[in-house]
Amino acid sequence: MWFKPAIETELSELLSDLMPLLGQRDFDIAFEFLDHREWGLALDHACCQLYENDTKILQSQYDRIVKTGRRMRLPESEFQSLKQLIAST
């Protein structure tokens, strides 16, 4: 029996939250990685697209990205560049 790991659920919810910022095409690409259990690539794609498009994000979104990345044991450097995208309130 196959079950969905907690990290996959967490990443799926994070990507869904970021979907309006990513756009449909990049969201679909990230979810395709997720469907193939390539969780690191899914998060990396979303982060790269946010950065490349200079998309402003909320502090709470950044915090979720970092939290998810840490749970996946990805290096902090993967998310450092996103700090500059946090929208000032």
N, C-alpha and C. Protein backbone atom coordinates (compact mmCIF):
# COMPACT_ATOMS: atom_id res chain seq x y z
N MET A 1 0.84 -1.18 0.00
CA MET A 1 0.00 0.00 0.00
C MET A 1 0.89 1.24 0.00
N TRP A 2 0.57 2.19 -0.85
CA TRP A 2 1.33 3.43 -0.97
C TRP A 2 0.67 4.50 -0.13
N PHE A 3 1.46 5.26 0.58
CA PHE A 3 0.92 6.38 1.34
C PHE A 3 1.72 7.63 1.03
N LYS A 4 1.13 8.77 1.27
CA LYS A 4 1.76 10.06 0.98
C LYS A 4 2.55 10.50 2.22
N PRO A 5 3.87 10.65 2.08
CA PRO A 5 4.67 11.12 3.22
C PRO A 5 4.26 12.53 3.65
N ALA A 6 4.46 12.83 4.91
CA ALA A 6 4.08 14.13 5.46
C ALA A 6 4.75 15.27 4.71
N ILE A 7 6.01 15.10 4.31
CA ILE A 7 6.71 16.17 3.61
C ILE A 7 6.06 16.45 2.26
N GLU A 8 5.54 15.42 1.63
CA GLU A 8 4.86 15.61 0.34
C GLU A 8 3.58 16.43 0.53
N THR A 9 2.86 16.14 1.59
CA THR A 9 1.65 16.90 1.89
C THR A 9 2.00 18.36 2.20
N GLU A 10 3.04 18.56 3.01
CA GLU A 10 3.46 19.91 3.37
C GLU A 10 3.90 20.68 2.13
N LEU A 11 4.65 20.04 1.26
CA LEU A 11 5.13 20.69 0.04
C LEU A 11 3.97 20.98 -0.91
N SER A 12 3.03 20.07 -1.01
CA SER A 12 1.85 20.26 -1.85
C SER A 12 1.05 21.48 -1.39
N GLU A 13 0.88 21.62 -0.09
CA GLU A 13 0.14 22.77 0.46
C GLU A 13 0.91 24.06 0.23
N LEU A 14 2.22 24.02 0.39
CA LEU A 14 3.05 25.20 0.14
C LEU A 14 2.96 25.63 -1.32
N LEU A 15 3.10 24.69 -2.24
CA LEU A 15 3.01 25.02 -3.66
C LEU A 15 1.64 25.58 -4.02
N SER A 16 0.60 25.02 -3.43
CA SER A 16 -0.75 25.53 -3.68
C SER A 16 -0.88 26.97 -3.21
N ASP A 17 -0.26 27.28 -2.07
CA ASP A 17 -0.28 28.64 -1.56
C ASP A 17 0.49 29.60 -2.47
N LEU A 18 1.57 29.09 -3.08
CA LEU A 18 2.40 29.92 -3.95
C LEU A 18 1.88 30.00 -5.38
N MET A 19 0.91 29.19 -5.73
CA MET A 19 0.41 29.10 -7.10
C MET A 19 0.07 30.45 -7.71
N PRO A 20 -0.65 31.34 -7.02
CA PRO A 20 -0.97 32.64 -7.64
C PRO A 20 0.29 33.46 -7.97
N LEU A 21 1.36 33.23 -7.23
CA LEU A 21 2.61 33.95 -7.46
C LEU A 21 3.43 33.31 -8.58
N LEU A 22 3.33 32.00 -8.69
CA LEU A 22 4.12 31.26 -9.68
C LEU A 22 3.50 31.33 -11.08
N GLY A 23 2.20 31.31 -11.13
CA GLY A 23 1.52 31.18 -12.41
C GLY A 23 1.28 29.71 -12.70
N GLN A 24 0.33 29.45 -13.56
CA GLN A 24 -0.11 28.08 -13.82
C GLN A 24 1.01 27.19 -14.38
N ARG A 25 1.77 27.71 -15.33
CA ARG A 25 2.80 26.89 -15.97
C ARG A 25 3.86 26.41 -14.97
N ASP A 26 4.40 27.34 -14.19
CA ASP A 26 5.43 26.96 -13.23
C ASP A 26 4.87 26.13 -12.08
N PHE A 27 3.64 26.40 -11.70
CA PHE A 27 2.97 25.57 -10.70
C PHE A 27 2.85 24.14 -11.21
N ASP A 28 2.43 23.97 -12.46
CA ASP A 28 2.29 22.64 -13.05
C ASP A 28 3.63 21.91 -13.11
N ILE A 29 4.69 22.63 -13.46
CA ILE A 29 6.02 22.02 -13.51
C ILE A 29 6.44 21.55 -12.12
N ALA A 30 6.25 22.40 -11.12
CA ALA A 30 6.61 22.02 -9.75
C ALA A 30 5.80 20.82 -9.29
N PHE A 31 4.51 20.80 -9.64
CA PHE A 31 3.67 19.69 -9.22
C PHE A 31 4.02 18.41 -9.97
N GLU A 32 4.51 18.53 -11.18
CA GLU A 32 4.95 17.34 -11.90
C GLU A 32 6.16 16.71 -11.19
N PHE A 33 7.09 17.57 -10.73
CA PHE A 33 8.20 17.05 -9.93
C PHE A 33 7.66 16.37 -8.67
N LEU A 34 6.69 16.99 -8.04
CA LEU A 34 6.10 16.44 -6.83
C LEU A 34 5.46 15.08 -7.11
N ASP A 35 4.74 14.98 -8.21
CA ASP A 35 4.09 13.72 -8.59
C ASP A 35 5.09 12.58 -8.77
N HIS A 36 6.32 12.95 -9.16
CA HIS A 36 7.37 11.94 -9.38
C HIS A 36 8.27 11.81 -8.15
N ARG A 37 7.79 12.37 -7.03
CA ARG A 37 8.48 12.29 -5.74
C ARG A 37 9.86 12.94 -5.78
N GLU A 38 9.99 13.94 -6.63
CA GLU A 38 11.21 14.75 -6.71
C GLU A 38 10.97 16.02 -5.92
N TRP A 39 10.88 15.87 -4.60
CA TRP A 39 10.47 16.97 -3.74
C TRP A 39 11.46 18.13 -3.77
N GLY A 40 12.73 17.83 -3.77
CA GLY A 40 13.74 18.89 -3.83
C GLY A 40 13.65 19.70 -5.11
N LEU A 41 13.44 19.01 -6.22
CA LEU A 41 13.31 19.72 -7.50
C LEU A 41 12.04 20.56 -7.54
N ALA A 42 10.98 20.07 -6.93
CA ALA A 42 9.73 20.84 -6.89
C ALA A 42 9.92 22.15 -6.13
N LEU A 43 10.54 22.07 -4.97
CA LEU A 43 10.77 23.28 -4.18
C LEU A 43 11.78 24.19 -4.87
N ASP A 44 12.83 23.60 -5.42
CA ASP A 44 13.84 24.38 -6.12
C ASP A 44 13.25 25.13 -7.30
N HIS A 45 12.40 24.46 -8.06
CA HIS A 45 11.78 25.13 -9.22
C HIS A 45 10.94 26.32 -8.76
N ALA A 46 10.13 26.12 -7.73
CA ALA A 46 9.28 27.21 -7.24
C ALA A 46 10.14 28.38 -6.75
N CYS A 47 11.18 28.08 -5.99
CA CYS A 47 12.05 29.14 -5.46
C CYS A 47 12.77 29.88 -6.59
N CYS A 48 13.28 29.13 -7.55
CA CYS A 48 13.98 29.76 -8.68
C CYS A 48 13.05 30.68 -9.47
N GLN A 49 11.83 30.26 -9.68
CA GLN A 49 10.90 31.09 -10.45
C GLN A 49 10.51 32.34 -9.69
N LEU A 50 10.32 32.21 -8.38
CA LEU A 50 10.02 33.40 -7.57
C LEU A 50 11.17 34.39 -7.67
N TYR A 51 12.40 33.88 -7.55
CA TYR A 51 13.58 34.74 -7.60
C TYR A 51 13.78 35.34 -8.99
N GLU A 52 13.72 34.51 -10.02
CA GLU A 52 13.96 34.98 -11.39
C GLU A 52 12.95 36.05 -11.82
N ASN A 53 11.73 35.93 -11.33
CA ASN A 53 10.69 36.88 -11.70
C ASN A 53 10.55 38.03 -10.69
N ASP A 54 11.46 38.05 -9.70
CA ASP A 54 11.45 39.10 -8.69
C ASP A 54 10.07 39.25 -8.07
N THR A 55 9.47 38.12 -7.72
CA THR A 55 8.12 38.08 -7.18
C THR A 55 8.14 38.34 -5.68
N LYS A 56 7.41 39.34 -5.25
CA LYS A 56 7.33 39.65 -3.83
C LYS A 56 6.55 38.56 -3.11
N ILE A 57 7.06 38.18 -1.94
CA ILE A 57 6.42 37.16 -1.12
C ILE A 57 6.20 37.72 0.28
N LEU A 58 5.30 37.09 1.00
CA LEU A 58 5.05 37.48 2.39
C LEU A 58 6.07 36.81 3.30
N GLN A 59 6.30 37.41 4.45
CA GLN A 59 7.20 36.81 5.44
C GLN A 59 6.73 35.41 5.79
N SER A 60 5.44 35.22 5.93
CA SER A 60 4.90 33.91 6.29
C SER A 60 5.18 32.87 5.18
N GLN A 61 5.15 33.30 3.92
CA GLN A 61 5.47 32.38 2.82
C GLN A 61 6.95 32.01 2.86
N TYR A 62 7.79 33.01 3.09
CA TYR A 62 9.22 32.75 3.20
C TYR A 62 9.48 31.77 4.34
N ASP A 63 8.85 31.99 5.49
CA ASP A 63 9.04 31.12 6.65
C ASP A 63 8.63 29.68 6.33
N ARG A 64 7.55 29.51 5.59
CA ARG A 64 7.10 28.17 5.21
C ARG A 64 8.08 27.51 4.25
N ILE A 65 8.62 28.29 3.31
CA ILE A 65 9.61 27.76 2.38
C ILE A 65 10.83 27.25 3.15
N VAL A 66 11.32 28.07 4.07
CA VAL A 66 12.49 27.70 4.86
C VAL A 66 12.19 26.47 5.72
N LYS A 67 11.04 26.47 6.38
CA LYS A 67 10.67 25.34 7.24
C LYS A 67 10.60 24.04 6.43
N THR A 68 9.97 24.11 5.27
CA THR A 68 9.86 22.92 4.43
C THR A 68 11.23 22.48 3.94
N GLY A 69 12.05 23.43 3.52
CA GLY A 69 13.40 23.11 3.07
C GLY A 69 14.24 22.46 4.16
N ARG A 70 14.12 22.96 5.36
CA ARG A 70 14.85 22.37 6.49
C ARG A 70 14.40 20.95 6.76
N ARG A 71 13.11 20.72 6.69
CA ARG A 71 12.59 19.36 6.89
C ARG A 71 13.11 18.41 5.82
N MET A 72 13.38 18.96 4.64
CA MET A 72 13.91 18.15 3.55
C MET A 72 15.44 18.07 3.60
N ARG A 73 16.01 18.74 4.61
CA ARG A 73 17.47 18.78 4.81
C ARG A 73 18.21 19.41 3.64
N LEU A 74 17.61 20.44 3.08
CA LEU A 74 18.25 21.20 2.01
C LEU A 74 19.11 22.29 2.65
N PRO A 75 20.19 22.68 2.00
CA PRO A 75 21.04 23.73 2.57
C PRO A 75 20.33 25.09 2.61
N GLU A 76 20.63 25.86 3.65
CA GLU A 76 20.03 27.20 3.83
C GLU A 76 20.26 28.06 2.60
N SER A 77 21.38 27.87 1.92
CA SER A 77 21.70 28.69 0.76
C SER A 77 20.64 28.59 -0.33
N GLU A 78 19.86 27.52 -0.32
CA GLU A 78 18.79 27.34 -1.30
C GLU A 78 17.74 28.45 -1.20
N PHE A 79 17.60 29.04 -0.02
CA PHE A 79 16.51 29.99 0.22
C PHE A 79 16.99 31.40 0.52
N GLN A 80 18.29 31.57 0.77
CA GLN A 80 18.83 32.86 1.19
C GLN A 80 18.44 33.98 0.24
N SER A 81 18.48 33.73 -1.05
CA SER A 81 18.19 34.77 -2.03
C SER A 81 16.74 35.24 -1.98
N LEU A 82 15.86 34.41 -1.43
CA LEU A 82 14.44 34.78 -1.34
C LEU A 82 14.17 35.84 -0.29
N LYS A 83 15.08 36.02 0.64
CA LYS A 83 14.89 37.02 1.69
C LYS A 83 14.63 38.40 1.10
N GLN A 84 15.33 38.72 0.03
CA GLN A 84 15.18 40.05 -0.58
C GLN A 84 13.82 40.23 -1.26
N LEU A 85 13.08 39.15 -1.41
CA LEU A 85 11.76 39.23 -2.06
C LEU A 85 10.63 39.49 -1.08
N ILE A 86 10.93 39.45 0.21
CA ILE A 86 9.89 39.65 1.21
C ILE A 86 9.34 41.08 1.10
N ALA A 87 8.05 41.16 0.91
CA ALA A 87 7.38 42.45 0.75
C ALA A 87 7.37 43.19 2.08
N SER A 88 7.70 44.45 2.03
CA SER A 88 7.63 45.26 3.25
C SER A 88 6.18 45.67 3.47
N THR A 89 5.79 45.68 4.71
CA THR A 89 4.39 46.02 5.03
C THR A 89 4.25 47.43 5.50
